[in-house]
Protein backbone atom coordinates (compact mmCIF):
# COMPACT_ATOMS: atom_id res chain seq x y z
CA MET A 1 13.08 -18.47 -20.43
CA LYS A 2 10.21 -16.92 -18.39
CA LEU A 3 11.98 -14.44 -16.12
CA SER A 4 15.25 -12.47 -16.00
CA ILE A 5 16.12 -11.00 -12.58
CA ILE A 6 18.71 -8.26 -12.95
CA ILE A 7 20.67 -7.40 -9.92
CA PRO A 8 23.27 -4.55 -10.08
CA CYS A 9 26.11 -5.09 -7.58
CA TYR A 10 28.55 -2.48 -6.30
CA ASN A 11 30.48 -3.13 -2.99
CA VAL A 12 27.65 -5.09 -1.40
CA GLU A 13 29.56 -8.03 0.14
CA HIS A 14 27.62 -7.60 3.37
CA TYR A 15 24.21 -7.72 1.66
CA LEU A 16 24.55 -9.95 -1.40
CA ASP A 17 24.01 -13.34 0.27
CA LYS A 18 20.65 -12.20 1.74
CA CYS A 19 19.63 -10.70 -1.59
CA VAL A 20 20.52 -13.68 -3.81
CA ASN A 21 19.23 -16.31 -1.40
CA SER A 22 15.93 -14.54 -1.17
CA VAL A 23 15.49 -15.06 -4.92
CA LEU A 24 16.62 -18.65 -4.85
CA ASN A 25 14.13 -19.32 -1.99
CA ASN A 26 11.31 -18.56 -4.38
CA ASN A 27 11.83 -22.09 -5.76
CA LEU A 28 10.44 -21.08 -9.08
CA GLU A 29 9.16 -23.84 -11.39
CA ASP A 30 9.33 -21.65 -14.49
CA LYS A 31 12.83 -21.35 -16.11
CA TYR A 32 14.57 -18.22 -14.94
CA GLU A 33 17.95 -16.51 -14.78
CA ILE A 34 19.58 -14.22 -12.27
CA ILE A 35 21.92 -11.75 -13.91
CA LEU A 36 24.45 -10.31 -11.36
CA VAL A 37 26.07 -7.18 -12.80
CA ASN A 38 29.30 -6.40 -11.00
CA ASP A 39 29.56 -2.59 -11.51
CA GLY A 40 33.33 -2.19 -10.78
CA SER A 41 33.21 -3.26 -7.09
CA THR A 42 36.41 -2.89 -5.06
CA ASP A 43 35.50 -5.25 -2.23
CA ASN A 44 34.77 -9.03 -2.42
CA THR A 45 31.56 -8.62 -4.40
CA LEU A 46 32.92 -10.03 -7.69
CA LYS A 47 34.45 -13.02 -5.86
CA MET A 48 31.11 -13.78 -4.29
CA ILE A 49 29.37 -13.50 -7.70
CA LYS A 50 31.82 -15.97 -9.28
CA ASN A 51 31.02 -18.42 -6.43
CA TYR A 52 27.33 -18.11 -7.11
CA VAL A 53 27.91 -18.83 -10.79
CA ASP A 54 30.02 -21.84 -10.00
CA THR A 55 27.27 -23.15 -7.65
CA TYR A 56 24.27 -22.30 -9.90
CA PRO A 57 25.62 -22.35 -13.41
CA ASP A 58 22.18 -22.95 -14.99
CA ILE A 59 20.64 -20.07 -13.21
CA ILE A 60 23.10 -17.37 -12.25
CA LYS A 61 24.96 -15.31 -14.91
CA CYS A 62 27.70 -12.70 -14.29
CA ILE A 63 28.46 -9.47 -16.08
CA ASP A 64 31.64 -7.76 -15.01
CA LYS A 65 32.03 -4.18 -16.11
CA LYS A 66 33.57 -0.87 -15.25
CA ASN A 67 31.70 1.23 -12.80
CA SER A 68 28.96 3.30 -14.44
CA GLY A 69 26.30 3.52 -11.71
CA LEU A 70 23.00 1.84 -11.16
CA SER A 71 21.45 2.82 -14.50
CA GLY A 72 24.43 1.55 -16.46
CA ALA A 73 24.43 -1.76 -14.55
CA ARG A 74 20.67 -2.23 -15.15
CA ASN A 75 21.09 -1.46 -18.84
CA ALA A 76 23.85 -4.00 -19.16
CA GLY A 77 21.53 -6.57 -17.66
CA LEU A 78 18.72 -5.63 -19.98
CA ASP A 79 20.98 -6.04 -23.02
CA LYS A 80 21.75 -9.63 -21.95
CA ALA A 81 18.37 -10.67 -20.58
CA ARG A 82 16.53 -13.49 -22.34
CA GLY A 83 13.35 -13.73 -20.31
CA GLU A 84 9.85 -13.09 -21.50
CA TYR A 85 9.60 -10.86 -18.37
CA VAL A 86 12.33 -8.91 -16.68
CA THR A 87 12.62 -7.45 -13.15
CA PHE A 88 15.09 -5.48 -11.12
CA LEU A 89 16.35 -6.16 -7.57
CA ASP A 90 18.81 -3.84 -5.84
CA SER A 91 21.59 -5.85 -4.18
CA ASP A 92 21.13 -4.41 -0.77
CA ASP A 93 17.46 -5.23 -0.79
CA TYR A 94 15.76 -8.66 -0.75
CA VAL A 95 12.32 -10.18 -1.60
CA ASP A 96 9.80 -12.41 0.01
CA ASN A 97 10.11 -16.08 -0.84
CA VAL A 98 6.79 -15.87 -2.75
CA MET A 99 7.29 -12.58 -4.62
CA TYR A 100 8.34 -13.86 -8.08
CA ARG A 101 6.00 -16.86 -7.91
CA GLU A 102 3.09 -14.56 -7.17
CA LEU A 103 4.09 -12.02 -9.93
CA LEU A 104 4.39 -14.85 -12.51
CA ARG A 105 1.14 -16.38 -11.41
CA LYS A 106 -0.54 -13.02 -11.85
CA ALA A 107 1.11 -12.45 -15.22
CA SER A 108 -0.24 -15.83 -16.46
CA GLU A 109 -3.79 -14.84 -15.52
CA GLY A 110 -4.00 -11.71 -17.61
CA ASP A 111 -0.93 -11.49 -19.93
CA PHE A 112 -0.13 -8.17 -18.28
CA ASP A 113 2.45 -5.69 -19.57
CA ILE A 114 3.46 -5.05 -15.96
CA VAL A 115 2.80 -6.89 -12.73
CA THR A 116 3.44 -5.08 -9.45
CA CYS A 117 3.24 -5.57 -5.70
CA GLY A 118 3.68 -3.50 -2.61
CA VAL A 119 6.98 -2.53 -0.92
CA ARG A 120 7.96 -2.89 2.65
CA MET A 121 10.42 -0.32 3.92
CA VAL A 122 12.92 -1.91 6.18
CA TYR A 123 14.89 0.44 8.52
CA ASP A 124 18.47 -0.33 9.51
CA ASN A 125 18.22 0.61 13.19
CA SER A 126 14.47 0.15 13.80
CA SER A 127 11.93 -2.66 13.95
CA LEU A 128 9.27 -0.30 12.75
CA ASP A 129 8.81 -1.12 9.04
CA LYS A 130 6.45 0.77 6.73
CA ASP A 131 4.37 -0.62 3.91
CA VAL A 132 4.01 1.26 0.60
CA GLY A 133 1.25 0.37 -1.85
CA VAL A 134 1.44 0.55 -5.57
CA GLY A 135 -0.73 3.80 -5.84
CA TYR A 136 -3.91 1.96 -6.90
CA ASP A 137 -5.72 -1.22 -5.84
CA HIS A 138 -7.04 -2.77 -9.05
CA ASP A 139 -5.89 -4.34 -12.30
CA ILE A 140 -5.73 -2.08 -15.33
CA PHE A 141 -6.77 -3.08 -18.87
CA SER A 142 -6.47 0.12 -21.04
CA LYS A 143 -4.18 3.14 -21.71
CA GLU A 144 -6.92 5.43 -20.36
CA GLU A 145 -6.82 3.59 -17.04
CA VAL A 146 -2.98 3.82 -17.02
CA LYS A 147 -3.34 7.52 -17.48
CA SER A 148 -5.80 7.76 -14.58
CA VAL A 149 -3.31 6.29 -12.11
CA MET A 150 -0.24 8.22 -13.20
CA ALA A 151 -0.91 10.89 -10.60
CA THR A 152 -0.79 8.23 -7.75
CA PHE A 153 1.59 5.82 -9.36
CA TYR A 154 4.56 4.59 -7.16
CA PRO A 155 7.39 4.84 -9.66
CA ALA A 156 9.88 2.42 -8.14
CA ALA A 157 11.44 0.10 -10.67
CA CYS A 158 12.13 -3.01 -8.46
CA ASN A 159 8.61 -3.94 -7.20
CA LYS A 160 7.49 -4.61 -10.78
CA MET A 161 7.94 -7.33 -13.44
CA TYR A 162 7.87 -6.17 -17.07
CA LYS A 163 7.36 -7.70 -20.38
CA ARG A 164 10.74 -7.42 -22.04
CA LYS A 165 9.25 -6.65 -25.47
CA VAL A 166 7.33 -3.69 -23.98
CA ILE A 167 10.56 -2.19 -22.62
CA GLY A 168 12.04 -2.74 -26.06
CA ASP A 169 14.86 -0.35 -26.66
CA LEU A 170 14.09 1.84 -23.68
CA ARG A 171 16.89 2.16 -21.20
CA PHE A 172 17.67 3.85 -17.89
CA LYS A 173 19.29 7.35 -18.19
CA GLU A 174 22.85 6.98 -17.03
CA GLY A 175 24.83 9.40 -14.83
CA ILE A 176 21.84 10.56 -12.79
CA HIS A 177 20.11 9.92 -9.53
CA TYR A 178 16.36 9.32 -9.16
CA GLU A 179 16.59 7.23 -12.26
CA ASP A 180 13.45 5.23 -11.50
CA VAL A 181 11.15 8.13 -11.93
CA GLU A 182 12.82 9.21 -15.15
CA PHE A 183 12.55 5.62 -16.56
CA MET A 184 9.03 4.83 -15.43
CA TYR A 185 7.37 7.94 -16.77
CA ARG A 186 8.97 7.34 -20.16
CA LEU A 187 7.76 3.67 -20.09
CA LEU A 188 4.22 4.31 -19.03
CA PRO A 189 2.94 5.42 -22.42
CA ARG A 190 3.90 2.00 -23.69
CA ILE A 191 1.84 0.29 -21.09
CA THR A 192 -1.78 -0.94 -21.64
CA THR A 193 -2.30 -3.51 -18.89
CA VAL A 194 -1.10 -3.75 -15.28
CA GLY A 195 -1.72 -6.60 -12.86
CA VAL A 196 -1.70 -5.87 -9.10
CA VAL A 197 -0.67 -8.43 -6.56
CA ASP A 198 -2.06 -7.93 -3.10
CA GLY A 199 1.05 -8.26 -0.94
CA TYR A 200 4.15 -6.36 0.30
CA TYR A 201 6.77 -8.67 -1.07
CA TYR A 202 9.65 -6.33 -1.92
CA TYR A 203 11.92 -5.34 1.07
CA TYR A 204 13.54 -1.98 0.56
CA LEU A 205 16.35 -1.30 2.93
CA GLN A 206 16.44 2.30 4.21
CA ARG A 207 19.84 3.30 5.31
CA GLU A 208 20.46 6.69 6.96
CA GLY A 209 23.33 7.51 4.65
CA SER A 210 21.29 6.98 1.53
CA ILE A 211 20.41 9.86 -0.82
CA THR A 212 16.78 9.59 0.35
CA TYR A 213 17.61 10.77 3.80
CA THR A 214 20.72 13.06 3.39
CA TYR A 215 21.22 16.18 1.29
CA ASN A 216 23.34 15.87 -1.90
CA ASP A 217 23.46 18.28 -4.78
CA LYS A 218 22.40 15.39 -7.00
CA LEU A 219 18.92 16.18 -5.64
CA TYR A 220 18.78 18.73 -8.55
CA ASP A 221 18.65 15.68 -10.90
CA ILE A 222 14.93 15.58 -10.04
CA VAL A 223 14.46 18.96 -11.74
CA ASP A 224 16.52 17.91 -14.79
CA ASN A 225 14.75 14.57 -15.02
CA LEU A 226 11.30 16.04 -14.93
CA ASN A 227 12.20 18.67 -17.62
CA GLY A 228 13.64 15.84 -19.65
CA ILE A 229 10.38 13.88 -19.28
CA VAL A 230 8.36 16.86 -20.49
CA LYS A 231 10.66 17.20 -23.50
CA TYR A 232 10.30 13.47 -24.23
CA TYR A 233 6.55 13.63 -24.28
CA LYS A 234 6.61 16.69 -26.60
CA LYS A 235 9.15 15.06 -28.89
CA ASN A 236 7.08 11.91 -29.12
CA ASP A 237 3.77 13.64 -29.65
CA LEU A 238 2.38 12.51 -26.29
CA TYR A 239 2.31 15.87 -24.47
CA ASP A 240 -1.26 16.88 -25.35
CA GLU A 241 -2.64 13.51 -24.43
CA TYR A 242 -0.83 13.42 -21.06
CA LYS A 243 -0.54 17.08 -20.17
CA GLU A 244 -2.75 16.94 -17.03
CA GLU A 245 -0.90 13.88 -15.65
CA LEU A 246 2.53 15.33 -16.41
CA GLU A 247 1.53 18.65 -14.86
CA TYR A 248 0.49 17.02 -11.63
CA VAL A 249 3.55 14.75 -11.42
CA TYR A 250 5.90 17.71 -12.17
CA VAL A 251 4.50 19.90 -9.49
CA ARG A 252 4.18 17.09 -6.90
CA TYR A 253 7.77 16.13 -7.27
CA LEU A 254 9.11 19.61 -7.15
CA TYR A 255 6.91 20.99 -4.35
CA ALA A 256 6.67 17.92 -2.25
CA THR A 257 9.49 15.36 -2.76
CA PHE A 258 12.16 17.83 -3.79
CA ILE A 259 11.34 20.36 -1.05
CA ARG A 260 11.28 17.73 1.74
CA ARG A 261 14.64 16.30 0.67
CA LEU A 262 16.11 19.77 0.23
CA ALA A 263 15.23 20.52 3.85
CA LYS A 264 17.94 17.97 4.86
CA CYS A 265 20.66 20.26 3.69
CA LYS A 266 20.20 22.20 6.96
CA ASP A 267 21.61 25.24 5.21
CA LYS A 268 19.03 27.96 4.97
CA GLU A 269 20.78 29.73 2.10
CA LYS A 270 20.83 26.53 -0.01
CA PHE A 271 17.32 25.82 0.94
CA ASN A 272 16.01 29.23 -0.23
CA LYS A 273 18.02 28.86 -3.45
CA GLY A 274 16.38 25.49 -4.11
CA VAL A 275 12.89 26.84 -3.37
CA ASN A 276 13.49 29.64 -5.90
CA THR A 277 14.73 27.15 -8.48
CA VAL A 278 11.61 24.89 -8.29
CA MET A 279 9.20 27.77 -8.15
CA GLU A 280 10.82 29.28 -11.28
CA ASN A 281 10.65 25.91 -13.07
CA VAL A 282 6.95 25.35 -12.24
CA LYS A 283 6.11 28.89 -13.34
CA MET A 284 7.92 28.44 -16.64
CA THR A 285 6.71 24.96 -17.42
CA PHE A 286 3.13 24.76 -15.95
CA PRO A 287 2.07 28.29 -15.04
CA GLU A 288 -1.68 27.35 -14.79
CA TYR A 289 -1.18 24.18 -12.79
CA ARG A 290 -3.58 25.24 -10.00
CA ASN A 291 -6.45 24.27 -12.38
CA ASN A 292 -5.16 20.68 -12.56
CA LYS A 293 -8.02 18.16 -12.06
CA TYR A 294 -5.80 15.99 -9.85
CA LEU A 295 -5.26 18.66 -7.23
CA VAL A 296 -7.68 17.28 -4.64
CA GLY A 297 -7.56 16.37 -1.02
CA LYS A 298 -4.86 17.59 1.47
CA LYS A 299 -2.03 17.12 -0.91
CA GLY A 300 -3.88 19.17 -3.51
CA LEU A 301 -4.40 21.96 -1.11
CA TYR A 302 -0.72 21.97 -0.21
CA LEU A 303 0.35 22.09 -3.87
CA LYS A 304 -2.23 24.66 -4.86
CA HIS A 305 -1.13 27.07 -2.19
CA PHE A 306 2.57 26.31 -2.07
CA ASN A 307 4.66 29.39 -1.54
CA LYS A 308 7.90 30.43 0.27
CA PHE A 309 6.11 30.68 3.65
CA ILE A 310 4.84 27.03 3.39
CA ALA A 311 8.34 25.98 2.24
CA ASN A 312 9.86 27.39 5.43
CA ILE A 313 7.33 25.45 7.54
CA VAL A 314 8.38 22.28 5.74
CA TYR A 315 12.03 23.22 6.42
CA MET A 316 11.46 23.58 10.18
CA PHE A 317 9.63 20.28 10.42
CA ASP A 318 11.68 18.06 8.08
CA LYS A 319 15.31 19.17 8.33
CA ASN A 320 16.01 16.70 11.17
CA ARG A 321 13.66 13.86 10.27
CA MET A 322 14.71 10.66 8.53
CA ASN A 323 11.39 10.16 6.77
């Protein structure tokens, strides 16, 4: 078995056909499996999954489980996967009909630990899509090179294909949001080689009601996840080796990603509380971060000089914007 494609499914009856057919349209020559994980759906999702299994019994497998969230569904798929490589696909997204062929072709060229491609953001009510790169434009062949791109790395789980043996016993943390970041930064120290495919083959649907574009108190999972990552690196004797990279990632997510999403709460008191929270965490965890070697360019200036005044400017500009 060359590839296992894990697709968590929760109440996606309106999206699942497009998702599954996009995989089947890859017409892969290598042996592969699609693992559809029904995560306690209450609509017709499970019925649809069973129909897929009946139609493609040699390719499509079903796991039916109680609802535990995206991480739990992905972990259930990982436990059952048999492929040399594994990949994840969210069931309201879809892929280009060459994505998995291209990733497998690249994997065969260099026996990479990870192979990745670009992402195309697809907006529900707009024809204006946006392409997102992988954060670097070259193949990687050493741990030092992996370290060098951690600061610009795009930590989405679904635009990548992974050697299953490299993931090993690592699993997604359950019961949280922003699980991709938490998982990817625990995985990266295990990675030595990365192959890059030049193409935007993963189609990531952007819905206005998603957590990315609306405020939810689960936003604070970003803070907890980052603190957990720092503890993980310390526990596994990785902290000293990766301190500069961790420091930059920590500050970038709290002062950029967190603050921009916090602005969508449109409640100034909540916003001010969140700003105080992240500033306290940065001060406690990385008090000397302004000396970080990755703080270059416009984003570096923003992070170096971040304060409550700058936060309020972000609030004014971002509170009514979708992206």
